[in-house]
PDB file of N, CA and C in Angstrom:
ATOM      1  N   MET A   1      14.650  13.374  -9.301  1.00  0.00           N
ATOM      2  CA  MET A   1      13.998  13.446  -8.011  1.00  0.00           C
ATOM      3  C   MET A   1      12.544  12.997  -8.147  1.00  0.00           C
ATOM      4  N   LYS A   2      12.083  12.198  -7.216  1.00  0.00           N
ATOM      5  CA  LYS A   2      10.724  11.683  -7.272  1.00  0.00           C
ATOM      6  C   LYS A   2       9.742  12.765  -6.852  1.00  0.00           C
ATOM      7  N   ASP A   3       8.512  12.659  -7.386  1.00  0.00           N
ATOM      8  CA  ASP A   3       7.458  13.593  -7.001  1.00  0.00           C
ATOM      9  C   ASP A   3       7.148  13.447  -5.524  1.00  0.00           C
ATOM     10  N   GLU A   4       6.728  14.544  -4.935  1.00  0.00           N
ATOM     11  CA  GLU A   4       6.322  14.528  -3.539  1.00  0.00           C
ATOM     12  C   GLU A   4       4.998  13.794  -3.385  1.00  0.00           C
ATOM     13  N   LEU A   5       4.815  13.186  -2.252  1.00  0.00           N
ATOM     14  CA  LEU A   5       3.574  12.496  -1.936  1.00  0.00           C
ATOM     15  C   LEU A   5       2.512  13.527  -1.591  1.00  0.00           C
ATOM     16  N   LYS A   6       1.319  13.337  -2.121  1.00  0.00           N
ATOM     17  CA  LYS A   6       0.191  14.243  -1.885  1.00  0.00           C
ATOM     18  C   LYS A   6      -0.261  14.212  -0.424  1.00  0.00           C
ATOM     19  N   TYR A   7      -0.139  13.064   0.217  1.00  0.00           N
ATOM     20  CA  TYR A   7      -0.641  12.865   1.574  1.00  0.00           C
ATOM     21  C   TYR A   7       0.477  13.018   2.598  1.00  0.00           C
ATOM     22  N   LYS A   8       0.130  13.581   3.748  1.00  0.00           N
ATOM     23  CA  LYS A   8       1.089  13.639   4.846  1.00  0.00           C
ATOM     24  C   LYS A   8       1.237  12.233   5.417  1.00  0.00           C
ATOM     25  N   TYR A   9       2.437  11.902   5.812  1.00  0.00           N
ATOM     26  CA  TYR A   9       2.682  10.576   6.384  1.00  0.00           C
ATOM     27  C   TYR A   9       3.825  10.668   7.375  1.00  0.00           C
ATOM     28  N   SER A  10       3.918   9.643   8.185  1.00  0.00           N
ATOM     29  CA  SER A  10       5.069   9.504   9.065  1.00  0.00           C
ATOM     30  C   SER A  10       5.528   8.062   9.016  1.00  0.00           C
ATOM     31  N   VAL A  11       6.778   7.869   9.355  1.00  0.00           N
ATOM     32  CA  VAL A  11       7.356   6.527   9.387  1.00  0.00           C
ATOM     33  C   VAL A  11       7.475   6.122  10.849  1.00  0.00           C
ATOM     34  N   VAL A  12       6.924   4.951  11.166  1.00  0.00           N
ATOM     35  CA  VAL A  12       6.881   4.476  12.546  1.00  0.00           C
ATOM     36  C   VAL A  12       7.613   3.148  12.637  1.00  0.00           C
ATOM     37  N   GLU A  13       8.531   3.042  13.589  1.00  0.00           N
ATOM     38  CA  GLU A  13       9.233   1.774  13.797  1.00  0.00           C
ATOM     39  C   GLU A  13       8.327   0.810  14.547  1.00  0.00           C
ATOM     40  N   VAL A  14       8.367  -0.456  14.159  1.00  0.00           N
ATOM     41  CA  VAL A  14       7.586  -1.491  14.823  1.00  0.00           C
ATOM     42  C   VAL A  14       8.527  -2.269  15.727  1.00  0.00           C
ATOM     43  N   PRO A  15       8.341  -2.167  17.046  1.00  0.00           N
ATOM     44  CA  PRO A  15       9.247  -2.850  17.973  1.00  0.00           C
ATOM     45  C   PRO A  15       9.317  -4.362  17.706  1.00  0.00           C
ATOM     46  N   ASN A  16      10.502  -4.886  17.789  1.00  0.00           N
ATOM     47  CA  ASN A  16      10.769  -6.329  17.676  1.00  0.00           C
ATOM     48  C   ASN A  16      10.418  -6.941  16.326  1.00  0.00           C
ATOM     49  N   SER A  17      10.174  -6.141  15.288  1.00  0.00           N
ATOM     50  CA  SER A  17       9.862  -6.723  13.987  1.00  0.00           C
ATOM     51  C   SER A  17      10.911  -6.389  12.938  1.00  0.00           C
ATOM     52  N   GLY A  18      11.629  -5.300  13.140  1.00  0.00           N
ATOM     53  CA  GLY A  18      12.588  -4.861  12.146  1.00  0.00           C
ATOM     54  C   GLY A  18      11.972  -4.004  11.061  1.00  0.00           C
ATOM     55  N   TYR A  19      10.637  -3.913  11.040  1.00  0.00           N
ATOM     56  CA  TYR A  19       9.937  -3.148  10.011  1.00  0.00           C
ATOM     57  C   TYR A  19       9.637  -1.735  10.450  1.00  0.00           C
ATOM     58  N   LYS A  20       9.504  -0.882   9.444  1.00  0.00           N
ATOM     59  CA  LYS A  20       8.994   0.469   9.640  1.00  0.00           C
ATOM     60  C   LYS A  20       7.690   0.550   8.860  1.00  0.00           C
ATOM     61  N   ARG A  21       6.671   1.123   9.470  1.00  0.00           N
ATOM     62  CA  ARG A  21       5.372   1.271   8.817  1.00  0.00           C
ATOM     63  C   ARG A  21       5.147   2.723   8.447  1.00  0.00           C
ATOM     64  N   ILE A  22       4.280   2.899   7.491  1.00  0.00           N
ATOM     65  CA  ILE A  22       3.903   4.222   7.051  1.00  0.00           C
ATOM     66  C   ILE A  22       2.555   4.548   7.693  1.00  0.00           C
ATOM     67  N   LYS A  23       2.501   5.603   8.475  1.00  0.00           N
ATOM     68  CA  LYS A  23       1.263   6.057   9.100  1.00  0.00           C
ATOM     69  C   LYS A  23       0.662   7.114   8.190  1.00  0.00           C
ATOM     70  N   LEU A  24      -0.622   6.899   7.807  1.00  0.00           N
ATOM     71  CA  LEU A  24      -1.287   7.749   6.825  1.00  0.00           C
ATOM     72  C   LEU A  24      -2.503   8.452   7.426  1.00  0.00           C
ATOM     73  N   PRO A  25      -3.006   9.481   6.747  1.00  0.00           N
ATOM     74  CA  PRO A  25      -4.208  10.172   7.230  1.00  0.00           C
ATOM     75  C   PRO A  25      -5.419   9.235   7.283  1.00  0.00           C
ATOM     76  N   ASP A  26      -6.369   9.573   8.135  1.00  0.00           N
ATOM     77  CA  ASP A  26      -7.557   8.735   8.327  1.00  0.00           C
ATOM     78  C   ASP A  26      -8.290   8.424   7.030  1.00  0.00           C
ATOM     79  N   GLU A  27      -8.369   9.377   6.104  1.00  0.00           N
ATOM     80  CA  GLU A  27      -9.149   9.156   4.880  1.00  0.00           C
ATOM     81  C   GLU A  27      -8.584   8.062   3.984  1.00  0.00           C
ATOM     82  N   ILE A  28      -7.322   7.691   4.194  1.00  0.00           N
ATOM     83  CA  ILE A  28      -6.737   6.582   3.423  1.00  0.00           C
ATOM     84  C   ILE A  28      -6.107   5.545   4.358  1.00  0.00           C
ATOM     85  N   SER A  29      -6.621   5.443   5.563  1.00  0.00           N
ATOM     86  CA  SER A  29      -6.016   4.530   6.539  1.00  0.00           C
ATOM     87  C   SER A  29      -6.095   3.066   6.112  1.00  0.00           C
ATOM     88  N   ALA A  30      -7.047   2.708   5.253  1.00  0.00           N
ATOM     89  CA  ALA A  30      -7.107   1.326   4.763  1.00  0.00           C
ATOM     90  C   ALA A  30      -5.838   0.951   3.998  1.00  0.00           C
ATOM     91  N   VAL A  31      -5.152   1.932   3.450  1.00  0.00           N
ATOM     92  CA  VAL A  31      -3.898   1.671   2.730  1.00  0.00           C
ATOM     93  C   VAL A  31      -2.846   1.093   3.673  1.00  0.00           C
ATOM     94  N   GLU A  32      -2.920   1.436   4.949  1.00  0.00           N
ATOM     95  CA  GLU A  32      -1.958   0.891   5.915  1.00  0.00           C
ATOM     96  C   GLU A  32      -2.031  -0.634   5.979  1.00  0.00           C
ATOM     97  N   LEU A  33      -3.184  -1.206   5.603  1.00  0.00           N
ATOM     98  CA  LEU A  33      -3.317  -2.665   5.600  1.00  0.00           C
ATOM     99  C   LEU A  33      -2.420  -3.310   4.552  1.00  0.00           C
ATOM    100  N   LEU A  34      -2.139  -2.577   3.484  1.00  0.00           N
ATOM    101  CA  LEU A  34      -1.190  -3.077   2.480  1.00  0.00           C
ATOM    102  C   LEU A  34       0.164  -3.346   3.122  1.00  0.00           C
ATOM    103  N   ILE A  35       0.509  -2.474   4.039  1.00  0.00           N
ATOM    104  CA  ILE A  35       1.802  -2.605   4.703  1.00  0.00           C
ATOM    105  C   ILE A  35       1.854  -3.893   5.521  1.00  0.00           C
ATOM    106  N   TYR A  36       0.762  -4.203   6.215  1.00  0.00           N
ATOM    107  CA  TYR A  36       0.708  -5.464   6.967  1.00  0.00           C
ATOM    108  C   TYR A  36       0.862  -6.656   6.024  1.00  0.00           C
ATOM    109  N   ASP A  37       0.161  -6.613   4.888  1.00  0.00           N
ATOM    110  CA  ASP A  37       0.276  -7.713   3.925  1.00  0.00           C
ATOM    111  C   ASP A  37       1.695  -7.834   3.385  1.00  0.00           C
ATOM    112  N   MET A  38       2.297  -6.718   3.034  1.00  0.00           N
ATOM    113  CA  MET A  38       3.652  -6.777   2.485  1.00  0.00           C
ATOM    114  C   MET A  38       4.636  -7.290   3.525  1.00  0.00           C
ATOM    115  N   GLU A  39       4.438  -6.922   4.788  1.00  0.00           N
ATOM    116  CA  GLU A  39       5.295  -7.453   5.855  1.00  0.00           C
ATOM    117  C   GLU A  39       5.170  -8.963   5.956  1.00  0.00           C
ATOM    118  N   SER A  40       3.937  -9.472   5.889  1.00  0.00           N
ATOM    119  CA  SER A  40       3.743 -10.916   6.057  1.00  0.00           C
ATOM    120  C   SER A  40       4.370 -11.704   4.907  1.00  0.00           C
ATOM    121  N   PHE A  41       4.411 -11.113   3.715  1.00  0.00           N
ATOM    122  CA  PHE A  41       5.034 -11.780   2.569  1.00  0.00           C
ATOM    123  C   PHE A  41       6.514 -11.428   2.433  1.00  0.00           C
ATOM    124  N   ARG A  42       6.966 -10.476   3.240  1.00  0.00           N
ATOM    125  CA  ARG A  42       8.345  -9.989   3.230  1.00  0.00           C
ATOM    126  C   ARG A  42       8.785  -9.438   1.874  1.00  0.00           C
ATOM    127  N   GLU A  43       7.803  -8.900   1.131  1.00  0.00           N
ATOM    128  CA  GLU A  43       8.104  -8.268  -0.149  1.00  0.00           C
ATOM    129  C   GLU A  43       6.926  -7.397  -0.580  1.00  0.00           C
ATOM    130  N   PRO A  44       7.171  -6.447  -1.482  1.00  0.00           N
ATOM    131  CA  PRO A  44       6.117  -5.551  -1.942  1.00  0.00           C
ATOM    132  C   PRO A  44       5.224  -6.238  -2.993  1.00  0.00           C
ATOM    133  N   ILE A  45       4.334  -7.105  -2.524  1.00  0.00           N
ATOM    134  CA  ILE A  45       3.580  -8.000  -3.406  1.00  0.00           C
ATOM    135  C   ILE A  45       2.647  -7.285  -4.385  1.00  0.00           C
ATOM    136  N   PHE A  46       2.318  -6.035  -4.152  1.00  0.00           N
ATOM    137  CA  PHE A  46       1.345  -5.345  -5.004  1.00  0.00           C
ATOM    138  C   PHE A  46       1.981  -4.490  -6.097  1.00  0.00           C
ATOM    139  N   ILE A  47       3.247  -4.174  -5.971  1.00  0.00           N
ATOM    140  CA  ILE A  47       3.873  -3.201  -6.863  1.00  0.00           C
ATOM    141  C   ILE A  47       3.876  -3.642  -8.327  1.00  0.00           C
ATOM    142  N   ASP A  48       4.083  -4.917  -8.610  1.00  0.00           N
ATOM    143  CA  ASP A  48       4.109  -5.375 -10.004  1.00  0.00           C
ATOM    144  C   ASP A  48       2.745  -5.198 -10.678  1.00  0.00           C
ATOM    145  N   PHE A  49       1.673  -5.423  -9.938  1.00  0.00           N
ATOM    146  CA  PHE A  49       0.324  -5.261 -10.484  1.00  0.00           C
ATOM    147  C   PHE A  49       0.033  -3.785 -10.764  1.00  0.00           C
ATOM    148  N   ILE A  50       0.461  -2.921  -9.859  1.00  0.00           N
ATOM    149  CA  ILE A  50       0.286  -1.479 -10.052  1.00  0.00           C
ATOM    150  C   ILE A  50       1.079  -1.018 -11.278  1.00  0.00           C
ATOM    151  N   ASN A  51       2.313  -1.487 -11.404  1.00  0.00           N
ATOM    152  CA  ASN A  51       3.144  -1.109 -12.544  1.00  0.00           C
ATOM    153  C   ASN A  51       2.555  -1.591 -13.864  1.00  0.00           C
ATOM    154  N   LYS A  52       1.973  -2.786 -13.878  1.00  0.00           N
ATOM    155  CA  LYS A  52       1.332  -3.299 -15.093  1.00  0.00           C
ATOM    156  C   LYS A  52       0.223  -2.376 -15.564  1.00  0.00           C
ATOM    157  N   VAL A  53      -0.574  -1.891 -14.626  1.00  0.00           N
ATOM    158  CA  VAL A  53      -1.689  -1.014 -14.967  1.00  0.00           C
ATOM    159  C   VAL A  53      -1.173   0.366 -15.384  1.00  0.00           C
ATOM    160  N   LEU A  54      -0.250   0.925 -14.619  1.00  0.00           N
ATOM    161  CA  LEU A  54       0.260   2.263 -14.936  1.00  0.00           C
ATOM    162  C   LEU A  54       1.025   2.301 -16.260  1.00  0.00           C
ATOM    163  N   SER A  55       1.645   1.194 -16.634  1.00  0.00           N
ATOM    164  CA  SER A  55       2.381   1.146 -17.904  1.00  0.00           C
ATOM    165  C   SER A  55       1.469   0.900 -19.103  1.00  0.00           C
ATOM    166  N   GLY A  56       0.201   0.547 -18.849  1.00  0.00           N
ATOM    167  CA  GLY A  56      -0.729   0.259 -19.928  1.00  0.00           C
ATOM    168  C   GLY A  56      -0.714  -1.192 -20.369  1.00  0.00           C
ATOM    169  N   GLU A  57       0.113  -2.010 -19.739  1.00  0.00           N
ATOM    170  CA  GLU A  57       0.172  -3.436 -20.064  1.00  0.00           C
ATOM    171  C   GLU A  57      -1.144  -4.127 -19.709  1.00  0.00           C
ATOM    172  N   SER A  58      -1.845  -3.579 -18.713  1.00  0.00           N
ATOM    173  CA  SER A  58      -3.128  -4.118 -18.273  1.00  0.00           C
ATOM    174  C   SER A  58      -4.107  -2.961 -18.076  1.00  0.00           C
ATOM    175  N   ASN A  59      -5.385  -3.209 -18.362  1.00  0.00           N
ATOM    176  CA  ASN A  59      -6.407  -2.183 -18.140  1.00  0.00           C
ATOM    177  C   ASN A  59      -6.806  -2.086 -16.680  1.00  0.00           C
ATOM    178  N   GLY A  60      -6.592  -3.155 -15.932  1.00  0.00           N
ATOM    179  CA  GLY A  60      -6.947  -3.177 -14.525  1.00  0.00           C
ATOM    180  C   GLY A  60      -6.563  -4.500 -13.917  1.00  0.00           C
ATOM    181  N   GLU A  61      -6.362  -4.493 -12.627  1.00  0.00           N
ATOM    182  CA  GLU A  61      -5.973  -5.701 -11.905  1.00  0.00           C
ATOM    183  C   GLU A  61      -6.732  -5.767 -10.591  1.00  0.00           C
ATOM    184  N   CYS A  62      -7.083  -6.978 -10.190  1.00  0.00           N
ATOM    185  CA  CYS A  62      -7.649  -7.231  -8.867  1.00  0.00           C
ATOM    186  C   CYS A  62      -6.732  -8.225  -8.182  1.00  0.00           C
ATOM    187  N   ILE A  63      -6.324  -7.901  -6.972  1.00  0.00           N
ATOM    188  CA  ILE A  63      -5.421  -8.778  -6.227  1.00  0.00           C
ATOM    189  C   ILE A  63      -5.754  -8.667  -4.750  1.00  0.00           C
ATOM    190  N   GLY A  64      -5.577  -9.760  -4.067  1.00  0.00           N
ATOM    191  CA  GLY A  64      -5.804  -9.750  -2.627  1.00  0.00           C
ATOM    192  C   GLY A  64      -4.607 -10.288  -1.888  1.00  0.00           C
ATOM    193  N   GLY A  65      -4.456  -9.816  -0.675  1.00  0.00           N
ATOM    194  CA  GLY A  65      -3.441 -10.329   0.220  1.00  0.00           C
ATOM    195  C   GLY A  65      -4.130 -11.040   1.360  1.00  0.00           C
ATOM    196  N   ASN A  66      -3.471 -11.117   2.483  1.00  0.00           N
ATOM    197  CA  ASN A  66      -4.072 -11.743   3.657  1.00  0.00           C
ATOM    198  C   ASN A  66      -5.103 -10.847   4.323  1.00  0.00           C
ATOM    199  N   VAL A  67      -4.900  -9.536   4.262  1.00  0.00           N
ATOM    200  CA  VAL A  67      -5.726  -8.598   5.009  1.00  0.00           C
ATOM    201  C   VAL A  67      -6.567  -7.703   4.110  1.00  0.00           C
ATOM    202  N   CYS A  68      -6.087  -7.405   2.913  1.00  0.00           N
ATOM    203  CA  CYS A  68      -6.801  -6.459   2.063  1.00  0.00           C
ATOM    204  C   CYS A  68      -6.867  -6.936   0.621  1.00  0.00           C
ATOM    205  N   ALA A  69      -7.720  -6.264  -0.146  1.00  0.00           N
ATOM    206  CA  ALA A  69      -7.862  -6.531  -1.567  1.00  0.00           C
ATOM    207  C   ALA A  69      -7.760  -5.211  -2.319  1.00  0.00           C
ATOM    208  N   LEU A  70      -7.228  -5.266  -3.534  1.00  0.00           N
ATOM    209  CA  LEU A  70      -7.086  -4.073  -4.363  1.00  0.00           C
ATOM    210  C   LEU A  70      -7.786  -4.264  -5.692  1.00  0.00           C
ATOM    211  N   MET A  71      -8.480  -3.223  -6.119  1.00  0.00           N
ATOM    212  CA  MET A  71      -9.017  -3.129  -7.475  1.00  0.00           C
ATOM    213  C   MET A  71      -8.287  -1.949  -8.101  1.00  0.00           C
ATOM    214  N   ILE A  72      -7.334  -2.262  -8.991  1.00  0.00           N
ATOM    215  CA  ILE A  72      -6.415  -1.260  -9.529  1.00  0.00           C
ATOM    216  C   ILE A  72      -6.856  -0.832 -10.920  1.00  0.00           C
ATOM    217  N   SER A  73      -7.014   0.465 -11.120  1.00  0.00           N
ATOM    218  CA  SER A  73      -7.205   1.026 -12.450  1.00  0.00           C
ATOM    219  C   SER A  73      -6.118   2.072 -12.653  1.00  0.00           C
ATOM    220  N   SER A  74      -6.027   2.615 -13.843  1.00  0.00           N
ATOM    221  CA  SER A  74      -4.940   3.561 -14.109  1.00  0.00           C
ATOM    222  C   SER A  74      -5.085   4.849 -13.304  1.00  0.00           C
ATOM    223  N   ASP A  75      -6.313   5.244 -12.979  1.00  0.00           N
ATOM    224  CA  ASP A  75      -6.519   6.487 -12.232  1.00  0.00           C
ATOM    225  C   ASP A  75      -6.554   6.271 -10.728  1.00  0.00           C
ATOM    226  N   PHE A  76      -7.397   5.341 -10.285  1.00  0.00           N
ATOM    227  CA  PHE A  76      -7.604   5.119  -8.862  1.00  0.00           C
ATOM    228  C   PHE A  76      -7.532   3.637  -8.524  1.00  0.00           C
ATOM    229  N   THR A  77      -7.207   3.370  -7.267  1.00  0.00           N
ATOM    230  CA  THR A  77      -7.221   2.011  -6.734  1.00  0.00           C
ATOM    231  C   THR A  77      -8.130   1.991  -5.521  1.00  0.00           C
ATOM    232  N   LYS A  78      -8.999   0.989  -5.474  1.00  0.00           N
ATOM    233  CA  LYS A  78      -9.835   0.802  -4.294  1.00  0.00           C
ATOM    234  C   LYS A  78      -9.151  -0.231  -3.411  1.00  0.00           C
ATOM    235  N   VAL A  79      -8.918   0.140  -2.161  1.00  0.00           N
ATOM    236  CA  VAL A  79      -8.313  -0.744  -1.175  1.00  0.00           C
ATOM    237  C   VAL A  79      -9.424  -1.144  -0.214  1.00  0.00           C
ATOM    238  N   THR A  80      -9.659  -2.449  -0.068  1.00  0.00           N
ATOM    239  CA  THR A  80     -10.730  -2.948   0.790  1.00  0.00           C
ATOM    240  C   THR A  80     -10.147  -3.787   1.911  1.00  0.00           C
ATOM    241  N   ASN A  81     -10.600  -3.504   3.116  1.00  0.00           N
ATOM    242  CA  ASN A  81     -10.211  -4.243   4.312  1.00  0.00           C
ATOM    243  C   ASN A  81     -11.057  -5.518   4.369  1.00  0.00           C
ATOM    244  N   ASN A  82     -10.439  -6.675   4.344  1.00  0.00           N
ATOM    245  CA  ASN A  82     -11.169  -7.944   4.390  1.00  0.00           C
ATOM    246  C   ASN A  82     -11.557  -8.368   5.799  1.00  0.00           C
ATOM    247  N   PHE A  83     -10.980  -7.740   6.804  1.00  0.00           N
ATOM    248  CA  PHE A  83     -11.230  -8.111   8.199  1.00  0.00           C
ATOM    249  C   PHE A  83     -11.559  -6.872   9.017  1.00  0.00           C
ATOM    250  N   ILE A  84     -12.750  -6.360   8.824  1.00  0.00           N
ATOM    251  CA  ILE A  84     -13.148  -5.116   9.473  1.00  0.00           C
ATOM    252  C   ILE A  84     -13.448  -5.353  10.945  1.00  0.00           C
ATOM    253  N   THR A  85     -12.878  -4.499  11.776  1.00  0.00           N
ATOM    254  CA  THR A  85     -13.208  -4.476  13.194  1.00  0.00           C
ATOM    255  C   THR A  85     -13.591  -3.044  13.552  1.00  0.00           C
ATOM    256  N   ASP A  86     -14.130  -2.848  14.719  1.00  0.00           N
ATOM    257  CA  ASP A  86     -14.556  -1.511  15.136  1.00  0.00           C
ATOM    258  C   ASP A  86     -13.435  -0.499  14.968  1.00  0.00           C
ATOM    259  N   GLY A  87     -13.795   0.624  14.392  1.00  0.00           N
ATOM    260  CA  GLY A  87     -12.837   1.702  14.232  1.00  0.00           C
ATOM    261  C   GLY A  87     -11.955   1.591  13.003  1.00  0.00           C
ATOM    262  N   MET A  88     -12.062   0.510  12.246  1.00  0.00           N
ATOM    263  CA  MET A  88     -11.227   0.355  11.052  1.00  0.00           C
ATOM    264  C   MET A  88     -12.003   0.775   9.815  1.00  0.00           C
ATOM    265  N   GLN A  89     -11.308   1.374   8.880  1.00  0.00           N
ATOM    266  CA  GLN A  89     -11.917   1.799   7.634  1.00  0.00           C
ATOM    267  C   GLN A  89     -12.177   0.576   6.755  1.00  0.00           C
ATOM    268  N   GLU A  90     -13.392   0.515   6.189  1.00  0.00           N
ATOM    269  CA  GLU A  90     -13.760  -0.618   5.335  1.00  0.00           C
ATOM    270  C   GLU A  90     -13.026  -0.575   4.005  1.00  0.00           C
ATOM    271  N   SER A  91     -13.001   0.590   3.381  1.00  0.00           N
ATOM    272  CA  SER A  91     -12.306   0.732   2.108  1.00  0.00           C
ATOM    273  C   SER A  91     -12.021   2.204   1.843  1.00  0.00           C
ATOM    274  N   CYS A  92     -11.155   2.439   0.886  1.00  0.00           N
ATOM    275  CA  CYS A  92     -10.879   3.808   0.465  1.00  0.00           C
ATOM    276  C   CYS A  92     -10.437   3.782  -0.991  1.00  0.00           C
ATOM    277  N   MET A  93     -10.532   4.937  -1.610  1.00  0.00           N
ATOM    278  CA  MET A  93     -10.025   5.124  -2.963  1.00  0.00           C
ATOM    279  C   MET A  93      -8.785   6.012  -2.865  1.00  0.00           C
ATOM    280  N   ILE A  94      -7.768   5.653  -3.615  1.00  0.00           N
ATOM    281  CA  ILE A  94      -6.542   6.451  -3.654  1.00  0.00           C
ATOM    282  C   ILE A  94      -6.037   6.473  -5.090  1.00  0.00           C
ATOM    283  N   GLU A  95      -5.441   7.587  -5.470  1.00  0.00           N
ATOM    284  CA  GLU A  95      -4.852   7.677  -6.791  1.00  0.00           C
ATOM    285  C   GLU A  95      -3.789   6.585  -6.909  1.00  0.00           C
ATOM    286  N   THR A  96      -3.818   5.869  -8.009  1.00  0.00           N
ATOM    287  CA  THR A  96      -2.894   4.745  -8.190  1.00  0.00           C
ATOM    288  C   THR A  96      -1.440   5.213  -8.147  1.00  0.00           C
ATOM    289  N   THR A  97      -1.157   6.374  -8.704  1.00  0.00           N
ATOM    290  CA  THR A  97       0.220   6.878  -8.659  1.00  0.00           C
ATOM    291  C   THR A  97       0.644   7.193  -7.226  1.00  0.00           C
ATOM    292  N   GLU A  98      -0.282   7.683  -6.406  1.00  0.00           N
ATOM    293  CA  GLU A  98       0.035   7.974  -5.003  1.00  0.00           C
ATOM    294  C   GLU A  98       0.256   6.678  -4.222  1.00  0.00           C
ATOM    295  N   LEU A  99      -0.540   5.662  -4.509  1.00  0.00           N
ATOM    296  CA  LEU A  99      -0.364   4.365  -3.851  1.00  0.00           C
ATOM    297  C   LEU A  99       1.016   3.797  -4.180  1.00  0.00           C
ATOM    298  N   LYS A 100       1.411   3.923  -5.428  1.00  0.00           N
ATOM    299  CA  LYS A 100       2.741   3.446  -5.819  1.00  0.00           C
ATOM    300  C   LYS A 100       3.832   4.179  -5.042  1.00  0.00           C
ATOM    301  N   LYS A 101       3.680   5.485  -4.867  1.00  0.00           N
ATOM    302  CA  LYS A 101       4.676   6.266  -4.112  1.00  0.00           C
ATOM    303  C   LYS A 101       4.749   5.786  -2.656  1.00  0.00           C
ATOM    304  N   ILE A 102       3.594   5.498  -2.058  1.00  0.00           N
ATOM    305  CA  ILE A 102       3.572   5.014  -0.671  1.00  0.00           C
ATOM    306  C   ILE A 102       4.317   3.691  -0.563  1.00  0.00           C
ATOM    307  N   ILE A 103       4.069   2.791  -1.506  1.00  0.00           N
ATOM    308  CA  ILE A 103       4.752   1.495  -1.492  1.00  0.00           C
ATOM    309  C   ILE A 103       6.254   1.689  -1.701  1.00  0.00           C
ATOM    310  N   GLU A 104       6.636   2.605  -2.581  1.00  0.00           N
ATOM    311  CA  GLU A 104       8.065   2.867  -2.809  1.00  0.00           C
ATOM    312  C   GLU A 104       8.734   3.423  -1.549  1.00  0.00           C
ATOM    313  N   ILE A 105       8.016   4.257  -0.804  1.00  0.00           N
ATOM    314  CA  ILE A 105       8.548   4.760   0.463  1.00  0.00           C
ATOM    315  C   ILE A 105       8.750   3.592   1.424  1.00  0.00           C
ATOM    316  N   TRP A 106       7.750   2.701   1.500  1.00  0.00           N
ATOM    317  CA  TRP A 106       7.850   1.535   2.383  1.00  0.00           C
ATOM    318  C   TRP A 106       9.052   0.666   1.982  1.00  0.00           C
ATOM    319  N   ILE A 107       9.234   0.448   0.690  1.00  0.00           N
ATOM    320  CA  ILE A 107      10.370  -0.354   0.204  1.00  0.00           C
ATOM    321  C   ILE A 107      11.690   0.289   0.641  1.00  0.00           C
ATOM    322  N   THR A 108      11.824   1.588   0.443  1.00  0.00           N
ATOM    323  CA  THR A 108      13.049   2.302   0.815  1.00  0.00           C
ATOM    324  C   THR A 108      13.298   2.205   2.315  1.00  0.00           C
ATOM    325  N   GLU A 109      12.257   2.395   3.106  1.00  0.00           N
ATOM    326  CA  GLU A 109      12.407   2.369   4.565  1.00  0.00           C
ATOM    327  C   GLU A 109      12.739   0.970   5.098  1.00  0.00           C
ATOM    328  N   ASN A 110      12.362  -0.073   4.348  1.00  0.00           N
ATOM    329  CA  ASN A 110      12.523  -1.449   4.827  1.00  0.00           C
ATOM    330  C   ASN A 110      13.472  -2.289   3.994  1.00  0.00           C
ATOM    331  N   LYS A 111      14.320  -1.646   3.199  1.00  0.00           N
ATOM    332  CA  LYS A 111      15.192  -2.413   2.299  1.00  0.00           C
ATOM    333  C   LYS A 111      16.092  -3.409   3.025  1.00  0.00           C
ATOM    334  N   GLU A 112      16.399  -3.142   4.275  1.00  0.00           N
ATOM    335  CA  GLU A 112      17.282  -4.037   5.038  1.00  0.00           C
ATOM    336  C   GLU A 112      16.592  -5.347   5.439  1.00  0.00           C
ATOM    337  N   VAL A 113      15.263  -5.361   5.541  1.00  0.00           N
ATOM    338  CA  VAL A 113      14.558  -6.563   6.005  1.00  0.00           C
ATOM    339  C   VAL A 113      13.779  -7.274   4.902  1.00  0.00           C
ATOM    340  N   LEU A 114      13.742  -6.712   3.703  1.00  0.00           N
ATOM    341  CA  LEU A 114      13.011  -7.346   2.601  1.00  0.00           C
ATOM    342  C   LEU A 114      13.860  -8.410   1.934  1.00  0.00           C
ATOM    343  N   ARG A 115      13.197  -9.332   1.273  1.00  0.00           N
ATOM    344  CA  ARG A 115      13.894 -10.409   0.556  1.00  0.00           C
ATOM    345  C   ARG A 115      14.745  -9.854  -0.544  1.00  0.00           C
TER     346      ARG A 115
END
């Protein structure tokens, strides 16, 4: 059985897209931008980089998508919003293991529409 997620979340259906998004607390709302990036690529583009760091294969990784950028270390990942608008969080720090769990939830919820 997988560990429980530290953060409260809900799964929200996106009309006419086939995707389900993960709604997160305000303090980590920038993480929701990862979901937009993964939807646009139709795959969990960040998970391999996170796994490389968590396995010790890499000391750290920096990767960007269309909307956000990640600076991944073994303890924490900084998620930065590249397109800030009013009311949007510029960046947040999240435990790398928790970020991986969020992405795994997204993968499970969207397995029917992913490549």
